[in-house]
């Protein structure tokens, strides 16, 4: 697994926090973990910008909400 740059890690942090704000109380552990795992996969595949990571996070959030029936 390649080491992610500090900028990529910072971008992932920002996107995770922004995305989880849309969940009640900032999201539960499982929801945050699900989104974070998707962000890690995307970053390892070379997607490191805020825009790219934001798209991935919003898709993961949509999946979570669809599973809950929201």
Protein backbone atom coordinates (compact mmCIF):
# COMPACT_ATOMS: atom_id res chain seq x y z
CA UNK A 1 0.00 0.00 0.00
CA UNK A 2 1.57 3.31 -1.06
CA UNK A 3 2.05 6.03 1.56
CA UNK A 4 -0.40 8.90 1.13
CA UNK A 5 0.92 12.45 1.08
CA UNK A 6 0.19 14.81 3.95
CA UNK A 7 -1.92 16.96 1.61
CA UNK A 8 -4.02 13.96 0.60
CA UNK A 9 -4.53 13.00 4.25
CA UNK A 10 -5.56 16.57 5.06
CA UNK A 11 -7.98 16.62 2.13
CA UNK A 12 -9.47 13.32 3.29
CA UNK A 13 -9.93 14.76 6.80
CA UNK A 14 -11.68 17.87 5.51
CA UNK A 15 -13.99 15.91 3.23
CA UNK A 16 -14.86 13.37 5.93
CA UNK A 17 -15.78 16.11 8.41
CA UNK A 18 -17.80 18.10 5.86
CA UNK A 19 -19.68 15.02 4.72
CA UNK A 20 -20.43 13.73 8.20
CA UNK A 21 -21.90 17.11 9.21
CA UNK A 22 -24.87 16.09 7.09
CA UNK A 23 -25.57 13.17 9.42
CA UNK A 24 -27.24 13.55 12.82
CA UNK A 25 -24.63 14.32 15.50
CA UNK A 26 -21.83 14.15 12.91
CA UNK A 27 -22.48 10.50 12.12
CA UNK A 28 -22.09 7.33 14.12
CA UNK A 29 -18.89 5.31 14.17
CA UNK A 30 -20.00 2.85 11.49
CA UNK A 31 -21.09 5.59 9.08
CA UNK A 32 -17.87 7.56 9.53
CA UNK A 33 -15.84 4.37 9.10
CA UNK A 34 -17.70 3.46 5.90
CA UNK A 35 -17.06 6.89 4.37
CA UNK A 36 -13.42 6.90 5.55
CA UNK A 37 -12.79 3.49 4.00
CA UNK A 38 -14.17 4.71 0.68
CA UNK A 39 -11.92 7.78 0.88
CA UNK A 40 -8.86 5.63 1.59
CA UNK A 41 -9.62 3.37 -1.38
CA UNK A 42 -10.04 6.40 -3.63
CA UNK A 43 -6.84 8.04 -2.41
CA UNK A 44 -4.86 4.85 -2.94
CA UNK A 45 -6.23 4.76 -6.50
CA UNK A 46 -4.81 8.25 -7.07
CA UNK A 47 -7.82 10.46 -6.35
CA UNK A 48 -6.46 13.10 -4.01
CA UNK A 49 -8.14 16.45 -4.70
CA UNK A 50 -10.90 17.89 -2.55
CA UNK A 51 -13.26 17.67 -5.51
CA UNK A 52 -12.55 14.03 -6.27
CA UNK A 53 -12.68 12.98 -2.64
CA UNK A 54 -15.86 15.00 -2.12
CA UNK A 55 -17.60 13.08 -4.89
CA UNK A 56 -16.54 9.76 -3.38
CA UNK A 57 -17.70 10.82 0.09
CA UNK A 58 -21.09 12.05 -1.17
CA UNK A 59 -21.63 8.75 -2.98
CA UNK A 60 -20.81 6.84 0.20
CA UNK A 61 -23.18 9.08 2.18
CA UNK A 62 -25.94 8.48 -0.38
CA UNK A 63 -25.39 4.73 0.02
CA UNK A 64 -25.71 5.00 3.79
CA UNK A 65 -28.89 7.06 3.54
CA UNK A 66 -30.39 4.68 0.97
CA UNK A 67 -29.73 1.70 3.26
CA UNK A 68 -31.50 3.54 6.08
CA UNK A 69 -34.39 4.46 3.85
CA UNK A 70 -33.86 8.22 4.24
